[in-house]
C-alpha atoms as a PDB file:
ATOM      1  CA  GLN A   1       0.000   0.000   0.000  1.00  0.00           C
ATOM      2  CA  MET A   2       1.338   3.407  -0.959  1.00  0.00           C
ATOM      3  CA  LEU A   3       0.915   5.733   2.011  1.00  0.00           C
ATOM      4  CA  ASP A   4       2.094   9.047   0.583  1.00  0.00           C
ATOM      5  CA  GLY A   5       4.013  10.634  -2.279  1.00  0.00           C
ATOM      6  CA  SER A   6       4.107   9.669  -5.915  1.00  0.00           C
ATOM      7  CA  LEU A   7       5.588   7.068  -8.228  1.00  0.00           C
ATOM      8  CA  ILE A   8       6.866   8.300 -11.579  1.00  0.00           C
ATOM      9  CA  ALA A   9       7.626   5.696 -14.237  1.00  0.00           C
ATOM     10  CA  LYS A  10      10.682   7.392 -15.772  1.00  0.00           C
ATOM     11  CA  GLU A  11      12.532   8.137 -12.497  1.00  0.00           C
ATOM     12  CA  LYS A  12      15.086   6.047 -10.590  1.00  0.00           C
ATOM     13  CA  TYR A  13      14.242   4.081  -7.445  1.00  0.00           C
ATOM     14  CA  ARG A  14      15.916   2.511  -4.473  1.00  0.00           C
ATOM     15  CA  ILE A  15      14.464  -0.029  -2.089  1.00  0.00           C
ATOM     16  CA  LEU A  16      15.411   0.117   1.577  1.00  0.00           C
ATOM     17  CA  ARG A  17      15.034  -2.647   4.141  1.00  0.00           C
ATOM     18  CA  ASN A  18      15.917  -1.884   7.764  1.00  0.00           C
ATOM     19  CA  LYS A  19      17.429   1.432   6.568  1.00  0.00           C
ATOM     20  CA  GLN A  20      19.852  -0.430   4.251  1.00  0.00           C
ATOM     21  CA  GLN A  21      19.690  -0.042   0.469  1.00  0.00           C
ATOM     22  CA  ILE A  22      19.066  -3.439  -1.116  1.00  0.00           C
ATOM     23  CA  TRP A  23      18.225  -2.443  -4.704  1.00  0.00           C
ATOM     24  CA  ASP A  24      18.608   0.509  -7.078  1.00  0.00           C
ATOM     25  CA  GLY A  25      17.124   0.741 -10.562  1.00  0.00           C
ATOM     26  CA  LYS A  26      14.107   1.629 -12.697  1.00  0.00           C
ATOM     27  CA  VAL A  27      10.440   0.756 -12.967  1.00  0.00           C
ATOM     28  CA  GLN A  28       9.568  -1.816 -15.602  1.00  0.00           C
ATOM     29  CA  THR A  29       5.809  -1.108 -15.514  1.00  0.00           C
ATOM     30  CA  LEU A  30       3.528   1.181 -13.503  1.00  0.00           C
ATOM     31  CA  ARG A  31      -0.209   0.516 -13.631  1.00  0.00           C
ATOM     32  CA  HIS A  32      -3.343   2.089 -12.208  1.00  0.00           C
ATOM     33  CA  PHE A  33      -6.062  -0.530 -12.478  1.00  0.00           C
ATOM     34  CA  LYS A  34      -5.423  -2.081 -15.939  1.00  0.00           C
ATOM     35  CA  ASP A  35      -3.927   1.029 -17.562  1.00  0.00           C
ATOM     36  CA  GLU A  36      -0.203   1.648 -17.838  1.00  0.00           C
ATOM     37  CA  VAL A  37       0.422   5.170 -16.502  1.00  0.00           C
ATOM     38  CA  ALA A  38       3.311   7.622 -16.224  1.00  0.00           C
ATOM     39  CA  GLN A  39       2.575   8.627 -12.610  1.00  0.00           C
ATOM     40  CA  VAL A  40       0.567   7.585  -9.550  1.00  0.00           C
ATOM     41  CA  THR A  41       0.064  10.001  -6.641  1.00  0.00           C
ATOM     42  CA  GLY A  42      -1.368   9.996  -3.148  1.00  0.00           C
ATOM     43  CA  GLN A  43      -3.070   6.900  -1.809  1.00  0.00           C
ATOM     44  CA  GLN A  44      -4.180   5.469  -5.153  1.00  0.00           C
ATOM     45  CA  GLU A  45      -4.017   1.735  -5.681  1.00  0.00           C
ATOM     46  CA  CYS A  46      -1.373   0.806  -8.194  1.00  0.00           C
ATOM     47  CA  GLY A  47       0.763  -2.016  -9.448  1.00  0.00           C
ATOM     48  CA  VAL A  48       4.473  -1.513  -9.903  1.00  0.00           C
ATOM     49  CA  CYS A  49       7.019  -3.918 -11.325  1.00  0.00           C
ATOM     50  CA  PHE A  50      10.688  -3.084 -10.914  1.00  0.00           C
ATOM     51  CA  ALA A  51      13.315  -4.263 -13.390  1.00  0.00           C
ATOM     52  CA  ASP A  52      15.066  -7.345 -11.948  1.00  0.00           C
ATOM     53  CA  TYR A  53      13.510  -7.144  -8.448  1.00  0.00           C
ATOM     54  CA  GLU A  54      10.577  -9.054  -6.944  1.00  0.00           C
ATOM     55  CA  GLU A  55      11.666  -9.971  -3.388  1.00  0.00           C
ATOM     56  CA  PHE A  56       9.584  -7.500  -1.360  1.00  0.00           C
ATOM     57  CA  GLN A  57       8.989  -7.890   2.352  1.00  0.00           C
ATOM     58  CA  VAL A  58       6.583  -6.126   4.686  1.00  0.00           C
ATOM     59  CA  GLY A  59       8.130  -2.827   5.773  1.00  0.00           C
ATOM     60  CA  ASP A  60      10.298  -2.248   2.684  1.00  0.00           C
ATOM     61  CA  ILE A  61      10.540   1.419   1.713  1.00  0.00           C
ATOM     62  CA  ILE A  62      10.586   2.567  -1.915  1.00  0.00           C
ATOM     63  CA  GLU A  63      12.299   5.899  -2.599  1.00  0.00           C
ATOM     64  CA  CYS A  64      12.020   7.736  -5.899  1.00  0.00           C
ATOM     65  CA  TYR A  65      14.831  10.088  -6.870  1.00  0.00           C
ATOM     66  CA  THR A  66      16.004  12.216  -9.775  1.00  0.00           C
ATOM     67  CA  LEU A  67      19.568  12.779 -10.910  1.00  0.00           C
ATOM     68  CA  GLU A  68      20.125  16.333 -12.093  1.00  0.00           C
ATOM     69  CA  GLU A  69      23.120  17.707 -13.900  1.00  0.00           C
ATOM     70  CA  LEU A  70      23.893  21.172 -12.581  1.00  0.00           C
ATOM     71  CA  PRO A  71      26.107  23.744 -14.322  1.00  0.00           C
ATOM     72  CA  ARG A  72      29.486  24.283 -12.765  1.00  0.00           C
ATOM     73  CA  SER A  73      29.973  27.442 -10.739  1.00  0.00           C
ATOM     74  CA  LEU A  74      33.083  29.039  -9.282  1.00  0.00           C
END
């Protein structure tokens, strides 16, 4: 169950278990009901499949993050 936040299909993800990172990668599919979607927000029901990861346990935390390239400054 997603408690808060949003899942965005094109972003990167990490999965934490007991505050330790156990996986880092991308979403393979993100679905809301039967439709494949680009984003799910709030407490909507959704199905998410991560590339090369299926070993979830109760209490795992999924974090979504974005890598940004910033211009150099002096």
